[in-house]
N, C-alpha and C. Protein backbone atom coordinates (compact mmCIF):
# COMPACT_ATOMS: atom_id res chain seq x y z
N MET A 1 -26.26 50.60 15.31
CA MET A 1 -25.82 52.27 15.43
C MET A 1 -24.32 52.04 14.09
N ASN A 2 -23.56 50.67 14.03
CA ASN A 2 -22.74 50.70 13.19
C ASN A 2 -22.78 50.46 11.95
N ALA A 3 -24.23 50.18 11.72
CA ALA A 3 -24.64 49.82 9.98
C ALA A 3 -25.06 51.52 9.69
N ASN A 4 -25.40 52.35 11.00
CA ASN A 4 -25.68 53.81 10.32
C ASN A 4 -24.60 54.40 10.20
N LYS A 5 -23.28 54.03 10.80
CA LYS A 5 -21.96 54.79 10.42
C LYS A 5 -21.57 54.28 9.21
N LYS A 6 -21.85 53.20 8.65
CA LYS A 6 -21.05 52.55 7.10
C LYS A 6 -21.84 53.26 5.88
N THR A 7 -23.32 53.78 6.47
CA THR A 7 -24.28 54.16 5.25
C THR A 7 -23.97 55.46 5.05
N SER A 8 -23.73 56.19 6.28
CA SER A 8 -23.09 57.71 6.17
C SER A 8 -22.36 57.83 5.19
N THR A 9 -21.00 57.03 5.77
CA THR A 9 -19.30 57.35 5.31
C THR A 9 -19.53 56.49 3.75
N ALA A 10 -20.26 55.48 3.43
CA ALA A 10 -20.57 55.39 2.04
C ALA A 10 -21.47 55.53 1.08
N LYS A 11 -21.51 57.28 0.68
CA LYS A 11 -21.99 57.74 0.10
C LYS A 11 -21.87 57.53 -1.24
N LYS A 12 -22.99 57.78 -1.62
CA LYS A 12 -22.70 57.12 -3.31
C LYS A 12 -22.24 58.01 -4.19
N GLN A 13 -21.26 57.68 -4.86
CA GLN A 13 -20.18 58.42 -5.59
C GLN A 13 -20.42 58.24 -7.13
N GLY A 14 -20.25 59.56 -8.14
CA GLY A 14 -20.22 59.23 -9.56
C GLY A 14 -18.91 58.19 -9.76
N ASN A 15 -19.22 58.42 -11.32
CA ASN A 15 -17.55 57.60 -11.77
C ASN A 15 -16.83 58.80 -11.52
N LEU A 16 -15.06 58.41 -11.59
CA LEU A 16 -14.14 59.50 -11.35
C LEU A 16 -13.19 58.86 -12.54
N MET A 17 -12.59 59.72 -13.16
CA MET A 17 -11.67 59.91 -14.13
C MET A 17 -10.40 60.01 -13.49
N TYR A 18 -9.18 59.16 -13.79
CA TYR A 18 -7.71 59.35 -13.12
C TYR A 18 -7.37 60.09 -14.42
N LEU A 19 -6.66 61.59 -14.15
CA LEU A 19 -6.23 62.28 -15.09
C LEU A 19 -4.75 62.34 -14.93
N GLY A 20 -4.21 61.63 -13.80
CA GLY A 20 -3.15 61.73 -13.62
C GLY A 20 -2.06 60.55 -14.47
N PRO A 21 -0.74 60.67 -14.34
CA PRO A 21 0.18 59.74 -15.31
C PRO A 21 -0.02 58.56 -15.25
N THR A 22 0.34 57.45 -16.51
CA THR A 22 0.07 56.13 -15.84
C THR A 22 1.28 55.59 -15.13
N ILE A 23 0.93 54.98 -13.78
CA ILE A 23 1.86 54.06 -13.11
C ILE A 23 1.67 52.65 -13.68
N THR A 24 2.88 51.68 -13.68
CA THR A 24 2.62 50.80 -14.70
C THR A 24 2.49 49.86 -13.33
N GLY A 25 1.33 48.86 -13.53
CA GLY A 25 0.82 48.01 -12.53
C GLY A 25 0.01 48.29 -11.73
N VAL A 26 -0.48 49.95 -11.91
CA VAL A 26 -1.34 50.38 -10.59
C VAL A 26 -2.59 51.02 -11.59
N VAL A 27 -2.67 51.73 -12.56
CA VAL A 27 -3.38 52.77 -12.95
C VAL A 27 -2.84 53.51 -14.37
N ARG A 28 -3.82 53.57 -15.55
CA ARG A 28 -3.30 54.13 -16.75
C ARG A 28 -4.11 55.40 -16.94
N HIS A 29 -3.46 56.33 -17.28
CA HIS A 29 -4.16 57.82 -17.69
C HIS A 29 -5.48 57.56 -18.26
N SER A 30 -6.48 58.31 -17.57
CA SER A 30 -7.89 58.28 -18.46
C SER A 30 -8.86 56.89 -17.59
N THR A 31 -8.11 56.13 -16.95
CA THR A 31 -8.75 54.95 -16.46
C THR A 31 -10.35 55.68 -15.73
N ILE A 32 -11.47 54.90 -15.96
CA ILE A 32 -12.90 55.51 -15.10
C ILE A 32 -12.84 54.58 -14.24
N PHE A 33 -13.31 54.98 -12.90
CA PHE A 33 -13.63 53.99 -11.93
C PHE A 33 -15.16 54.14 -11.58
N LYS A 34 -15.93 53.08 -11.72
CA LYS A 34 -17.10 53.28 -11.85
C LYS A 34 -17.69 53.40 -10.15
N ASN A 35 -18.74 54.46 -9.98
CA ASN A 35 -19.16 54.97 -8.48
C ASN A 35 -17.61 55.16 -7.61
N GLY A 36 -16.67 55.78 -8.25
CA GLY A 36 -15.67 56.06 -7.44
C GLY A 36 -14.80 55.07 -6.59
N VAL A 37 -15.15 53.89 -6.93
CA VAL A 37 -14.68 52.56 -6.54
C VAL A 37 -13.11 52.47 -6.94
N LEU A 38 -12.11 52.84 -5.72
CA LEU A 38 -10.79 52.41 -6.55
C LEU A 38 -10.07 51.22 -6.11
N PRO A 39 -9.10 50.63 -6.85
CA PRO A 39 -8.47 49.68 -6.66
C PRO A 39 -7.21 49.87 -5.49
N GLN A 40 -6.98 48.76 -4.88
CA GLN A 40 -6.22 48.83 -3.32
C GLN A 40 -5.27 49.30 -4.21
N LYS A 41 -4.07 49.34 -4.85
CA LYS A 41 -3.08 49.32 -5.20
C LYS A 41 -2.82 50.96 -5.47
N LEU A 42 -4.21 51.65 -6.25
CA LEU A 42 -3.96 53.00 -6.14
C LEU A 42 -4.56 53.39 -5.25
N ASN A 43 -5.43 53.24 -4.16
CA ASN A 43 -5.77 53.55 -2.65
C ASN A 43 -4.45 53.32 -1.90
N LYS A 44 -3.44 52.84 -2.06
CA LYS A 44 -2.18 52.53 -1.29
C LYS A 44 -1.36 54.42 -1.86
N CYS A 45 -1.26 54.29 -3.25
CA CYS A 45 -0.79 55.47 -3.81
C CYS A 45 -1.49 56.50 -3.25
N VAL A 46 -2.52 56.71 -3.14
CA VAL A 46 -3.02 57.99 -2.80
C VAL A 46 -3.02 58.34 -1.05
N GLU A 47 -3.01 57.34 -0.24
CA GLU A 47 -2.52 57.19 1.10
C GLU A 47 -1.15 57.50 1.13
N GLU A 48 -0.20 57.37 0.32
CA GLU A 48 1.19 57.38 0.27
C GLU A 48 1.23 59.41 -0.09
N PHE A 49 0.50 59.22 -0.98
CA PHE A 49 0.76 61.29 -1.70
C PHE A 49 -0.66 61.58 -1.89
N PRO A 50 -1.53 61.95 -0.33
CA PRO A 50 -2.64 62.26 -1.07
C PRO A 50 -3.36 63.13 -1.74
N ALA A 51 -2.43 64.51 -2.20
CA ALA A 51 -2.60 65.43 -3.32
C ALA A 51 -3.09 64.51 -4.65
N MET A 52 -2.37 63.23 -5.08
CA MET A 52 -3.00 62.59 -5.97
C MET A 52 -4.44 62.54 -6.10
N LYS A 53 -5.12 62.57 -5.22
CA LYS A 53 -6.47 62.51 -5.05
C LYS A 53 -7.40 63.56 -5.84
N ARG A 54 -6.77 64.65 -6.11
CA ARG A 54 -7.01 65.94 -6.90
C ARG A 54 -6.94 65.12 -8.41
N LEU A 55 -6.34 64.24 -9.21
CA LEU A 55 -6.06 63.79 -10.32
C LEU A 55 -7.09 62.99 -10.62
N LEU A 56 -8.39 62.48 -9.61
CA LEU A 56 -9.47 61.90 -9.79
C LEU A 56 -10.33 62.47 -9.63
N VAL A 57 -11.08 62.93 -11.02
CA VAL A 57 -12.25 63.81 -10.95
C VAL A 57 -13.53 63.17 -11.45
N SER A 58 -14.20 63.94 -11.04
CA SER A 58 -15.73 63.54 -11.33
C SER A 58 -15.97 63.88 -12.69
N MET A 59 -16.91 63.18 -13.25
CA MET A 59 -17.25 63.19 -14.60
C MET A 59 -17.55 64.91 -15.58
N GLU A 60 -18.37 65.27 -14.12
CA GLU A 60 -19.16 66.60 -14.24
C GLU A 60 -17.96 67.49 -14.41
N HIS A 61 -16.96 67.20 -13.53
CA HIS A 61 -15.70 68.39 -13.62
C HIS A 61 -14.72 68.15 -14.57
N LEU A 62 -14.90 67.11 -15.20
CA LEU A 62 -13.98 66.69 -16.26
C LEU A 62 -13.22 67.79 -17.47
N PRO A 63 -14.49 68.66 -18.36
CA PRO A 63 -13.57 69.36 -19.05
C PRO A 63 -12.96 70.61 -18.19
N LYS A 64 -13.20 71.41 -16.73
CA LYS A 64 -12.60 72.37 -16.25
C LYS A 64 -11.37 71.90 -15.70
N ALA A 65 -11.28 70.69 -15.52
CA ALA A 65 -9.84 69.81 -14.85
C ALA A 65 -9.17 69.85 -15.71
N THR A 66 -9.32 69.21 -17.28
CA THR A 66 -8.33 68.92 -18.31
C THR A 66 -7.74 70.12 -19.01
N LYS A 67 -8.78 71.43 -18.88
CA LYS A 67 -8.21 72.51 -19.22
C LYS A 67 -7.44 73.23 -18.31
N GLU A 68 -7.48 72.84 -16.80
CA GLU A 68 -5.93 73.13 -15.72
C GLU A 68 -4.87 72.23 -16.07
N LEU A 69 -5.22 71.01 -16.27
CA LEU A 69 -4.04 70.18 -16.30
C LEU A 69 -3.17 70.54 -17.79
N VAL A 70 -3.58 71.32 -18.47
CA VAL A 70 -2.59 71.88 -19.65
C VAL A 70 -1.67 73.03 -19.53
N LYS A 71 -2.45 73.76 -18.28
CA LYS A 71 -1.97 75.09 -17.88
C LYS A 71 -0.77 74.76 -17.09
N GLU A 72 0.99 74.75 -17.94
CA GLU A 72 1.54 74.59 -16.54
C GLU A 72 2.00 75.00 -15.16
N GLN A 73 1.45 76.23 -15.04
CA GLN A 73 1.72 76.53 -13.71
C GLN A 73 0.52 76.30 -13.04
N SER A 74 -0.58 75.54 -13.23
CA SER A 74 -1.80 74.87 -12.41
C SER A 74 -1.37 74.03 -11.70
N ALA A 75 -1.90 74.26 -10.27
CA ALA A 75 -1.91 73.06 -9.14
C ALA A 75 -1.82 72.05 -9.82
N LEU A 76 -2.79 71.51 -10.65
CA LEU A 76 -3.33 70.17 -11.04
C LEU A 76 -2.15 69.61 -11.81
N ALA A 77 -1.58 70.76 -13.12
CA ALA A 77 -0.31 70.08 -13.99
C ALA A 77 1.16 69.67 -12.43
N SER A 78 0.93 70.61 -11.43
CA SER A 78 1.80 70.54 -10.64
C SER A 78 1.82 69.06 -9.96
N ILE A 79 0.37 68.87 -9.34
CA ILE A 79 0.34 67.34 -8.81
C ILE A 79 0.46 66.34 -9.82
N TYR A 80 0.12 66.46 -11.17
CA TYR A 80 0.62 65.46 -12.53
C TYR A 80 2.39 65.08 -12.52
N ALA A 81 2.88 66.37 -12.21
CA ALA A 81 4.25 65.90 -12.44
C ALA A 81 5.20 65.47 -11.41
N GLN A 82 4.39 65.88 -10.02
CA GLN A 82 4.98 65.16 -8.56
C GLN A 82 4.40 63.49 -8.40
N THR A 83 3.35 63.07 -8.86
CA THR A 83 3.02 62.02 -9.21
C THR A 83 3.53 60.97 -10.25
N ASP A 84 4.13 61.95 -11.30
CA ASP A 84 4.90 61.29 -11.97
C ASP A 84 6.30 61.09 -11.92
N LYS A 85 7.05 62.07 -10.60
CA LYS A 85 7.96 61.77 -10.49
C LYS A 85 8.15 61.03 -9.26
N LYS A 86 7.07 60.76 -8.35
CA LYS A 86 7.21 59.70 -7.23
C LYS A 86 7.15 57.95 -7.38
N PHE A 87 6.13 58.07 -8.56
CA PHE A 87 5.60 56.82 -8.68
C PHE A 87 6.11 56.35 -10.03
N ASN A 88 7.21 57.17 -10.77
CA ASN A 88 7.92 56.70 -12.16
C ASN A 88 9.27 57.20 -12.05
N LYS A 89 9.81 56.78 -11.17
CA LYS A 89 11.35 56.84 -11.21
C LYS A 89 12.19 56.47 -12.59
């Protein structure tokens, strides 16, 4: 039964691109993560600031997210700014 749990939670995910600010020693802007697998340091940042997960965008949603990111009043732009402030003091 435990093996079934692993399979169901580990659904195959497409590639993700990080659209947030570069965080030295953790992640660079525009990094692509194959199958959505994130490095441990980045996972720790996402655990610390869950909204940051919205900056990890599937390739199919990339054009829409990029347009949203350049709008100053958008939620994504706000999360970008908050992430930058939190991790790049």
